[in-house]
């Protein structure tokens, strides 16, 4: 089957592209992306897709301006919308941590995403091909990877809600170069692909030829078949993990997720690793910078918490992710989440009965009853408590905890620091500073909302009027 038929099959049958869809091509001007551009033009002619092209002039080589101009010209000649952006990647590399390849990729996808959503594209095409697949698999193997890393790239995937398509993924470099000759295409050749400065280039130019010569002259085909086998098995295991993952979630939302450690620890170690990776991906949005060593650290922490109750530890992961092992939970939160939820000054004066709105939309309600008017013992729970109305010194104050706070937990002798009470009750660290505390004008703690009332305000045989406190 010729390249165009395979390309068409990948686009229509596997990627699900139909007539009138808008496709954004990431074109560098090299053989792979130029062939992808040519094949896309043929697909446009046959079924009527709409095309656009993005090119990043990264200013890494002398030929960068020439390459950008070449892309501009072929787009103009073929009436294809074109976006060309210029960035000094070398300068960015000095300012930001990471490899120059990673920064170039991050910059490219930043612009792709912007163009994609502003212009309502349906898919982004990149020129990755079969040789890239082999090199990616070996690269991941050497840096330490599980089945996901060894399964290579998928023909379709999502990145930050962009639909990505790699339509050349089943085509070898030799086939692509032959297609260039057949179609009279004149791609730019990136000379940096031949330098041995980068790991991928050493894999491509030294390792694979060495293996072909000394071990297996069909190593690329062998590894390609192995990748497909690994991908199938990886997909099957992932289906199991997806179901188990949902069962383990304690809390979840935008940029945060908590999992039950004891239930997670009961799973096989291979499932634990995958669930941890899935949690990181869900909160962080990607797995960039996350290696097997990070997963192993967290899996060990889960074991320590489950077996010896080694609680209250934070783990800083790449990309601004903070994991905390605490009270049978492992929490995943971004630094952005912590900044957004950092407790500020909060003080609400309660002058009388009624409802009071608290930060983040919570509600505090006070109602007065005569003793015997309601069966308060049946109604009471963590969020609805009843106290002796006559013992209060008004006005009351709602606030967050303060240094040195102490109270007398009901049915306990003596006083206790609020800080120690939170620790004993295994209240997660991020909730301790945002739990409302009700005090009276003498600064006596009445109730730690949702937790415990102070013994001095409990209902006794002498109580005549009771106050209901409700926290929602």
Protein backbone atom coordinates (compact mmCIF):
# COMPACT_ATOMS: atom_id res chain seq x y z
CA UNK A 1 0.00 0.00 0.00
CA UNK A 2 1.48 3.37 -0.96
CA UNK A 3 2.05 6.14 1.57
CA UNK A 4 -1.01 8.15 0.67
CA UNK A 5 -3.36 5.19 1.14
CA UNK A 6 -1.82 4.45 4.52
CA UNK A 7 -1.98 8.12 5.48
CA UNK A 8 -5.62 8.31 4.40
CA UNK A 9 -6.46 5.15 6.35
CA UNK A 10 -4.77 6.51 9.48
CA UNK A 11 -6.62 9.80 9.19
CA UNK A 12 -10.08 8.50 8.31
CA UNK A 13 -10.27 5.05 9.88
CA UNK A 14 -8.12 5.49 13.00
CA UNK A 15 -8.31 9.22 13.75
CA UNK A 16 -11.92 9.57 12.60
CA UNK A 17 -11.35 12.65 10.43
CA UNK A 18 -14.25 13.54 8.16
CA UNK A 19 -15.06 16.06 5.46
CA UNK A 20 -14.81 19.76 6.40
CA UNK A 21 -12.73 19.14 9.54
CA UNK A 22 -10.09 21.77 10.32
CA UNK A 23 -6.56 20.42 10.74
CA UNK A 24 -3.57 22.34 12.08
CA UNK A 25 -0.22 20.99 10.88
CA UNK A 26 2.99 21.53 12.84
CA UNK A 27 5.51 21.94 10.00
CA UNK A 28 9.24 22.40 10.53
CA UNK A 29 10.15 22.02 6.85
CA UNK A 30 12.06 18.76 7.36
CA UNK A 31 11.29 15.56 5.41
CA UNK A 32 8.69 14.23 7.85
CA UNK A 33 6.58 17.37 8.20
CA UNK A 34 6.91 18.25 4.51
CA UNK A 35 5.63 14.81 3.49
CA UNK A 36 2.81 15.19 6.03
CA UNK A 37 1.96 18.56 4.45
CA UNK A 38 1.95 17.08 0.93
CA UNK A 39 -0.21 14.11 1.96
CA UNK A 40 -2.62 16.48 3.73
CA UNK A 41 -2.95 18.54 0.54
CA UNK A 42 -3.92 15.38 -1.32
CA UNK A 43 -6.45 14.54 1.40
CA UNK A 44 -7.86 18.07 1.15
CA UNK A 45 -8.30 17.61 -2.58
CA UNK A 46 -10.05 14.27 -2.14
CA UNK A 47 -12.38 14.76 0.84
CA UNK A 48 -12.38 18.51 1.52
CA UNK A 49 -10.59 19.06 4.84
CA UNK A 50 -9.50 22.57 5.82
CA UNK A 51 -5.79 23.04 6.55
CA UNK A 52 -3.66 25.45 8.55
CA UNK A 53 0.08 25.37 9.29
CA UNK A 54 2.12 26.43 12.29
CA UNK A 55 5.91 26.88 12.19
CA UNK A 56 8.18 27.81 15.08
CA UNK A 57 11.32 29.71 14.18
CA UNK A 58 13.38 28.73 17.20
CA UNK A 59 16.50 30.63 16.06
CA UNK A 60 18.75 27.71 16.97
CA UNK A 61 20.48 27.48 13.58
CA UNK A 62 21.68 29.81 10.85
CA UNK A 63 19.11 28.31 8.49
CA UNK A 64 16.15 29.10 10.80
CA UNK A 65 15.05 32.19 8.84
CA UNK A 66 15.36 30.32 5.53
CA UNK A 67 13.29 27.42 6.88
CA UNK A 68 10.57 29.78 8.10
CA UNK A 69 10.44 31.51 4.73
CA UNK A 70 10.22 28.16 2.93
CA UNK A 71 7.21 27.15 5.05
CA UNK A 72 5.59 30.52 4.39
CA UNK A 73 6.06 30.11 0.63
CA UNK A 74 4.65 26.58 0.35
CA UNK A 75 1.62 27.66 2.36
CA UNK A 76 1.09 30.69 0.15
CA UNK A 77 1.51 28.60 -3.02
CA UNK A 78 -1.09 26.09 -1.80
CA UNK A 79 -3.51 28.62 -0.26
CA UNK A 80 -3.06 27.30 3.27
CA UNK A 81 -3.38 29.58 6.31
CA UNK A 82 -0.01 29.94 8.02
CA UNK A 83 1.15 31.06 11.47
CA UNK A 84 4.88 31.60 12.01
CA UNK A 85 6.20 32.51 15.44
CA UNK A 86 9.76 33.41 16.40
CA UNK A 87 11.29 32.56 19.79
CA UNK A 88 14.88 32.61 20.98
CA UNK A 89 14.94 29.11 22.47
CA UNK A 90 18.59 29.41 23.53
CA UNK A 91 17.72 32.47 25.60
CA UNK A 92 14.71 30.71 27.13
CA UNK A 93 16.95 27.76 27.98
CA UNK A 94 19.17 30.06 30.04
CA UNK A 95 16.16 31.43 31.90
CA UNK A 96 14.31 28.16 32.50
CA UNK A 97 15.35 24.74 33.76
CA UNK A 98 15.17 21.81 31.38
CA UNK A 99 16.71 20.57 28.16
CA UNK A 100 16.67 22.75 25.07
CA UNK A 101 14.55 20.10 23.29
CA UNK A 102 11.96 20.15 26.10
CA UNK A 103 11.78 23.96 26.09
CA UNK A 104 11.40 24.04 22.30
CA UNK A 105 8.60 21.49 22.54
CA UNK A 106 6.89 23.40 25.35
CA UNK A 107 7.09 26.63 23.36
CA UNK A 108 5.79 24.97 20.19
CA UNK A 109 2.80 23.49 21.99
CA UNK A 110 2.07 26.78 23.72
CA UNK A 111 1.53 28.42 20.33
CA UNK A 112 -0.21 25.39 18.83
CA UNK A 113 -2.72 25.39 21.66
CA UNK A 114 -3.39 29.10 21.30
CA UNK A 115 -3.96 28.84 17.53
CA UNK A 116 -5.95 25.60 17.90
CA UNK A 117 -8.58 27.02 20.23
CA UNK A 118 -8.76 30.53 18.80
CA UNK A 119 -9.47 29.17 15.32
CA UNK A 120 -11.60 26.14 16.26
CA UNK A 121 -9.37 23.47 14.78
CA UNK A 122 -10.38 19.82 15.13
CA UNK A 123 -6.93 18.26 15.28
CA UNK A 124 -3.20 18.95 15.37
CA UNK A 125 -0.96 16.88 13.07
CA UNK A 126 2.69 16.22 13.91
CA UNK A 127 5.25 14.46 11.71
CA UNK A 128 6.40 11.68 14.05
CA UNK A 129 7.15 8.47 12.17
CA UNK A 130 8.10 4.83 12.86
CA UNK A 131 11.82 5.51 13.46
CA UNK A 132 10.84 8.14 16.03
CA UNK A 133 8.71 5.48 17.70
CA UNK A 134 11.70 3.13 18.07
CA UNK A 135 13.97 5.90 19.31
CA UNK A 136 11.36 7.02 21.85
CA UNK A 137 10.97 3.49 23.19
CA UNK A 138 14.74 3.06 23.65
CA UNK A 139 15.13 6.54 25.13
CA UNK A 140 12.43 5.76 27.71
CA UNK A 141 13.96 2.36 28.43
CA UNK A 142 17.33 3.90 29.27
CA UNK A 143 15.91 6.57 31.57
CA UNK A 144 13.67 4.07 33.37
CA UNK A 145 10.11 3.48 32.24
CA UNK A 146 7.18 1.11 32.69
CA UNK A 147 4.86 -0.27 30.05
CA UNK A 148 3.51 3.19 29.26
CA UNK A 149 6.94 4.53 28.34
CA UNK A 150 7.81 1.39 26.42
CA UNK A 151 4.57 1.43 24.44
CA UNK A 152 5.81 4.48 22.54
CA UNK A 153 3.52 7.09 21.06
CA UNK A 154 -0.11 6.65 20.11
CA UNK A 155 -1.41 7.60 16.68
CA UNK A 156 -4.04 9.72 18.45
CA UNK A 157 -3.92 11.33 21.87
CA UNK A 158 -4.88 14.46 23.78
CA UNK A 159 -2.60 17.17 25.15
CA UNK A 160 -4.25 19.87 27.23
CA UNK A 161 -7.54 19.15 25.45
CA UNK A 162 -5.97 19.36 21.98
CA UNK A 163 -6.63 16.35 19.76
CA UNK A 164 -3.24 15.20 18.45
CA UNK A 165 -2.74 12.99 15.39
CA UNK A 166 0.53 11.38 14.27
CA UNK A 167 -0.51 10.10 10.82
CA UNK A 168 3.03 9.01 9.77
CA UNK A 169 3.58 6.81 12.82
CA UNK A 170 3.43 3.59 10.79
CA UNK A 171 5.85 4.84 8.11
CA UNK A 172 9.64 4.43 8.13
CA UNK A 173 12.15 7.18 7.49
CA UNK A 174 13.35 5.45 4.31
CA UNK A 175 9.81 5.44 2.92
CA UNK A 176 9.39 9.13 3.71
CA UNK A 177 12.65 10.05 2.02
CA UNK A 178 11.66 7.98 -1.04
CA UNK A 179 8.30 9.81 -1.14
CA UNK A 180 10.18 13.14 -1.18
CA UNK A 181 12.10 11.98 -4.25
CA UNK A 182 8.96 10.69 -6.00
CA UNK A 183 7.02 13.92 -5.40
CA UNK A 184 9.94 16.27 -6.05
CA UNK A 185 9.85 17.71 -2.53
CA UNK A 186 12.88 19.60 -1.26
CA UNK A 187 12.87 19.43 2.53
CA UNK A 188 15.25 21.29 4.82
CA UNK A 189 17.79 18.99 6.45
CA UNK A 190 18.47 19.73 10.11
CA UNK A 191 22.21 19.24 10.51
CA UNK A 192 21.80 18.99 14.29
CA UNK A 193 20.21 15.56 13.72
CA UNK A 194 23.67 14.23 12.96
CA UNK A 195 25.50 15.62 15.96
CA UNK A 196 26.13 13.19 18.82
CA UNK A 197 25.49 15.87 21.43
CA UNK A 198 21.95 14.67 22.10
CA UNK A 199 20.93 11.27 23.48
CA UNK A 200 18.33 10.66 20.78
CA UNK A 201 20.89 11.30 18.05
CA UNK A 202 23.27 8.79 19.61
CA UNK A 203 20.46 6.23 19.68
CA UNK A 204 19.66 6.96 16.02
CA UNK A 205 23.16 7.28 14.61
CA UNK A 206 25.20 4.94 16.81
CA UNK A 207 23.18 2.46 18.86
CA UNK A 208 20.63 1.24 16.31
CA UNK A 209 23.21 0.80 13.49
CA UNK A 210 25.45 -1.10 15.93
CA UNK A 211 22.63 -3.47 16.90
CA UNK A 212 21.67 -3.95 13.26
CA UNK A 213 25.25 -4.85 12.40
CA UNK A 214 26.09 -7.09 15.38
CA UNK A 215 22.83 -8.53 16.74
CA UNK A 216 19.70 -8.20 14.60
CA UNK A 217 19.57 -6.56 11.18
CA UNK A 218 15.78 -6.28 11.56
CA UNK A 219 15.88 -4.74 15.05
CA UNK A 220 13.65 -1.80 14.10
CA UNK A 221 10.86 -4.10 12.84
CA UNK A 222 11.30 -6.34 15.87
CA UNK A 223 11.03 -3.41 18.30
CA UNK A 224 8.08 -1.96 16.37
CA UNK A 225 6.18 -5.26 16.80
CA UNK A 226 7.19 -5.36 20.47
CA UNK A 227 5.84 -1.84 21.00
CA UNK A 228 2.46 -2.89 19.58
CA UNK A 229 2.33 -5.92 21.90
CA UNK A 230 3.24 -3.78 24.93
CA UNK A 231 0.63 -1.20 23.94
CA UNK A 232 -2.15 -3.79 23.79
CA UNK A 233 -1.23 -5.19 27.20
CA UNK A 234 -0.83 -1.70 28.62
CA UNK A 235 -4.32 -0.77 27.39
CA UNK A 236 -5.83 -3.88 29.00
CA UNK A 237 -4.20 -3.21 32.38
CA UNK A 238 -5.20 0.44 32.20
CA UNK A 239 -8.85 -0.51 31.89
CA UNK A 240 -8.54 -2.34 35.20
CA UNK A 241 -6.67 0.57 36.76
CA UNK A 242 -9.29 3.10 35.63
CA UNK A 243 -12.03 1.26 37.53
CA UNK A 244 -9.92 0.82 40.66
CA UNK A 245 -8.79 4.45 40.56
CA UNK A 246 -12.37 5.72 40.86
CA UNK A 247 -12.95 3.47 43.89
CA UNK A 248 -9.93 4.92 45.70
CA UNK A 249 -10.77 8.62 45.33
CA UNK A 250 -11.60 10.33 48.63
CA UNK A 251 -11.70 13.92 47.34
CA UNK A 252 -11.12 15.33 43.88
CA UNK A 253 -11.51 18.57 41.99
CA UNK A 254 -9.57 21.10 39.95
CA UNK A 255 -5.86 20.69 40.72
CA UNK A 256 -6.36 18.42 43.73
CA UNK A 257 -6.97 14.74 44.44
CA UNK A 258 -6.87 12.52 47.55
CA UNK A 259 -6.62 8.72 47.51
CA UNK A 260 -7.26 6.16 50.27
CA UNK A 261 -3.86 4.72 51.20
CA UNK A 262 -4.96 1.52 52.93
CA UNK A 263 -7.15 0.49 50.02
CA UNK A 264 -4.42 1.43 47.57
CA UNK A 265 -1.82 -0.54 49.53
CA UNK A 266 -3.99 -3.65 49.26
CA UNK A 267 -3.48 -3.61 45.52
CA UNK A 268 -0.58 -5.27 43.72
CA UNK A 269 2.53 -3.09 43.52
CA UNK A 270 2.12 -2.79 39.74
CA UNK A 271 -1.38 -1.37 40.18
CA UNK A 272 -0.14 1.01 42.89
CA UNK A 273 2.44 2.48 40.53
CA UNK A 274 -0.10 3.00 37.78
CA UNK A 275 -2.65 4.60 40.08
CA UNK A 276 -0.01 7.01 41.41
CA UNK A 277 0.93 7.94 37.83
CA UNK A 278 -2.72 8.41 36.95
CA UNK A 279 -3.26 10.66 39.98
CA UNK A 280 -0.26 12.80 39.03
CA UNK A 281 -1.52 13.11 35.46
CA UNK A 282 -5.04 14.02 36.57
CA UNK A 283 -3.85 16.83 38.86
CA UNK A 284 -0.81 18.06 36.93
CA UNK A 285 -2.27 17.62 33.44
CA UNK A 286 0.83 15.85 32.14
CA UNK A 287 3.72 13.64 33.24
CA UNK A 288 6.54 15.91 32.09
CA UNK A 289 9.55 15.58 34.38
CA UNK A 290 8.03 12.61 36.19
CA UNK A 291 10.28 9.56 36.19
CA UNK A 292 10.12 6.13 37.74
CA UNK A 293 12.16 7.33 40.73
CA UNK A 294 9.36 9.75 41.66
CA UNK A 295 6.74 7.01 41.44
CA UNK A 296 8.91 4.69 43.57
CA UNK A 297 9.33 7.35 46.27
CA UNK A 298 5.56 7.77 46.56
CA UNK A 299 4.89 4.01 46.51
CA UNK A 300 7.42 3.61 49.37
CA UNK A 301 5.67 6.41 51.26
CA UNK A 302 2.33 4.63 50.82
CA UNK A 303 3.89 1.48 52.31
CA UNK A 304 5.32 3.38 55.29
CA UNK A 305 1.96 5.03 56.02
CA UNK A 306 0.03 1.74 55.70
CA UNK A 307 2.44 -0.34 57.77
CA UNK A 308 3.94 1.98 60.39
CA UNK A 309 1.67 5.04 60.29
CA UNK A 310 4.54 7.29 59.14
CA UNK A 311 2.29 10.27 58.55
CA UNK A 312 2.63 13.97 57.79
CA UNK A 313 5.27 14.03 55.05
CA UNK A 314 5.42 16.27 51.98
CA UNK A 315 7.01 15.35 48.66
CA UNK A 316 7.83 18.03 46.08
CA UNK A 317 7.57 16.72 42.51
CA UNK A 318 8.65 18.39 39.25
CA UNK A 319 6.21 20.78 37.65
CA UNK A 320 4.91 22.36 40.85
CA UNK A 321 3.18 19.29 42.29
CA UNK A 322 3.11 18.61 46.03
CA UNK A 323 2.17 15.19 47.41
CA UNK A 324 1.37 14.74 51.08
CA UNK A 325 1.00 11.46 52.95
CA UNK A 326 -1.25 12.02 55.92
CA UNK A 327 -3.85 10.13 57.94
CA UNK A 328 -4.42 7.26 55.52
CA UNK A 329 -4.66 9.63 52.58
CA UNK A 330 -2.17 10.56 49.88
CA UNK A 331 -3.00 13.98 48.48
CA UNK A 332 -1.87 15.46 45.18
CA UNK A 333 -2.08 19.23 44.86
CA UNK A 334 -0.48 21.85 42.65
CA UNK A 335 1.40 24.81 44.07
CA UNK A 336 -1.22 26.95 42.34
CA UNK A 337 -3.93 25.22 44.40
CA UNK A 338 -2.08 25.92 47.64
CA UNK A 339 -1.61 29.58 46.74
CA UNK A 340 -5.29 29.90 45.89
CA UNK A 341 -6.38 28.23 49.15
CA UNK A 342 -3.83 29.81 51.45
CA UNK A 343 -5.88 31.03 54.43
CA UNK A 344 -6.12 34.76 54.74
CA UNK A 345 -7.41 36.83 57.60
CA UNK A 346 -10.99 35.89 58.42
CA UNK A 347 -13.17 37.28 61.16
CA UNK A 348 -16.97 37.40 61.18
CA UNK A 349 -18.89 39.07 64.02
CA UNK A 350 -22.04 37.13 64.98
CA UNK A 351 -24.39 39.64 66.56
CA UNK A 352 -27.52 37.50 66.74
CA UNK A 353 -29.49 34.59 65.38
CA UNK A 354 -29.75 33.82 61.67
CA UNK A 355 -27.56 32.69 58.77
CA UNK A 356 -24.06 33.91 58.02
CA UNK A 357 -22.17 33.31 54.78
CA UNK A 358 -18.54 32.24 55.19
CA UNK A 359 -15.59 32.16 52.77
CA UNK A 360 -15.84 29.70 49.88
CA UNK A 361 -19.64 29.69 50.13
CA UNK A 362 -20.03 27.81 53.44
CA UNK A 363 -22.95 28.75 55.68
CA UNK A 364 -23.26 29.12 59.46
CA UNK A 365 -26.71 29.17 61.06
CA UNK A 366 -27.87 29.91 64.63
CA UNK A 367 -31.35 29.11 66.01
CA UNK A 368 -32.67 29.42 69.57
CA UNK A 369 -35.07 26.92 71.20
CA UNK A 370 -36.52 26.36 74.65
CA UNK A 371 -35.36 23.20 76.33
CA UNK A 372 -37.81 20.41 75.50
CA UNK A 373 -39.06 22.19 72.38
CA UNK A 374 -37.09 19.84 70.12
CA UNK A 375 -35.39 16.47 70.57
CA UNK A 376 -31.89 17.90 70.19
CA UNK A 377 -30.13 14.62 70.96
CA UNK A 378 -31.58 12.97 67.84
CA UNK A 379 -30.76 15.91 65.59
CA UNK A 380 -27.16 16.38 66.74
CA UNK A 381 -24.33 15.30 64.42
CA UNK A 382 -20.90 16.58 63.37
CA UNK A 383 -22.35 19.64 61.64
CA UNK A 384 -25.32 20.37 63.91
CA UNK A 385 -24.67 20.88 67.62
CA UNK A 386 -26.65 22.30 70.55
CA UNK A 387 -25.25 24.35 73.42
CA UNK A 388 -26.47 26.20 76.51
CA UNK A 389 -27.62 29.62 75.29
CA UNK A 390 -27.27 31.29 78.70
CA UNK A 391 -23.55 30.49 78.95
CA UNK A 392 -22.65 32.64 75.95
CA UNK A 393 -21.13 36.10 76.15
CA UNK A 394 -22.23 37.99 73.00
CA UNK A 395 -21.29 39.00 70.38
CA UNK A 396 -19.80 35.81 69.04
CA UNK A 397 -16.94 35.66 66.57
CA UNK A 398 -16.20 33.22 63.75
CA UNK A 399 -12.54 32.99 62.74
CA UNK A 400 -9.78 30.60 61.77
CA UNK A 401 -7.43 29.16 64.38
CA UNK A 402 -4.81 31.33 66.00
CA UNK A 403 -1.50 30.50 67.63
CA UNK A 404 -1.97 29.33 71.22
CA UNK A 405 -5.68 28.47 70.84
CA UNK A 406 -6.88 26.12 73.60
CA UNK A 407 -10.28 24.69 74.53
CA UNK A 408 -11.92 22.12 76.78
CA UNK A 409 -13.16 19.27 74.58
CA UNK A 410 -16.55 18.07 75.78
CA UNK A 411 -16.41 15.15 78.19
CA UNK A 412 -12.66 15.56 78.61
CA UNK A 413 -10.72 16.88 81.60
CA UNK A 414 -8.48 19.91 81.26
CA UNK A 415 -7.70 22.03 78.23
CA UNK A 416 -6.06 21.08 74.97
CA UNK A 417 -4.28 22.99 72.24
CA UNK A 418 -6.37 23.22 69.09
CA UNK A 419 -3.24 22.31 67.13
CA UNK A 420 -2.83 19.06 69.11
CA UNK A 421 -6.54 18.32 68.81
CA UNK A 422 -6.34 18.58 64.99
CA UNK A 423 -3.35 16.25 64.95
CA UNK A 424 -5.02 13.71 67.23
CA UNK A 425 -8.20 13.83 65.16
CA UNK A 426 -6.11 13.36 61.99
CA UNK A 427 -7.41 16.50 60.35
CA UNK A 428 -5.42 17.01 57.10
CA UNK A 429 -2.97 19.89 57.22
CA UNK A 430 -4.67 21.89 54.45
CA UNK A 431 -7.98 21.82 56.38
CA UNK A 432 -6.64 22.89 59.77
CA UNK A 433 -6.18 26.54 58.78
CA UNK A 434 -9.59 26.87 57.11
CA UNK A 435 -11.82 25.20 59.73
CA UNK A 436 -14.06 27.89 61.27
CA UNK A 437 -13.86 28.30 65.04
CA UNK A 438 -16.66 29.98 67.01
CA UNK A 439 -15.61 32.00 70.08
CA UNK A 440 -17.46 34.34 72.41
CA UNK A 441 -16.48 37.87 73.44
CA UNK A 442 -14.31 36.46 76.24
CA UNK A 443 -12.32 34.63 73.54
CA UNK A 444 -13.54 31.26 74.83
CA UNK A 445 -13.78 28.66 72.08
CA UNK A 446 -17.38 27.45 71.79
CA UNK A 447 -17.16 25.09 68.84
CA UNK A 448 -14.62 23.91 66.32
CA UNK A 449 -17.06 23.72 63.42
CA UNK A 450 -17.78 20.19 62.31
CA UNK A 451 -15.69 18.77 65.18
CA UNK A 452 -16.13 19.32 68.93
CA UNK A 453 -17.84 21.78 71.28
CA UNK A 454 -16.26 23.13 74.44
CA UNK A 455 -17.34 21.43 77.69
CA UNK A 456 -18.20 24.80 79.28
CA UNK A 457 -21.12 25.26 76.88
CA UNK A 458 -22.71 21.82 77.00
CA UNK A 459 -26.38 21.36 77.86
CA UNK A 460 -27.00 20.37 81.48
CA UNK A 461 -29.99 19.74 83.73
CA UNK A 462 -30.02 23.47 84.53
CA UNK A 463 -30.26 24.57 80.86
CA UNK A 464 -33.42 26.46 79.95
CA UNK A 465 -32.65 27.75 76.45
CA UNK A 466 -30.54 26.04 73.83
CA UNK A 467 -28.78 27.36 70.76
CA UNK A 468 -28.51 25.26 67.61
CA UNK A 469 -25.30 25.80 65.63
CA UNK A 470 -25.34 24.46 62.07
CA UNK A 471 -22.37 24.46 59.70
CA UNK A 472 -22.89 23.62 56.04
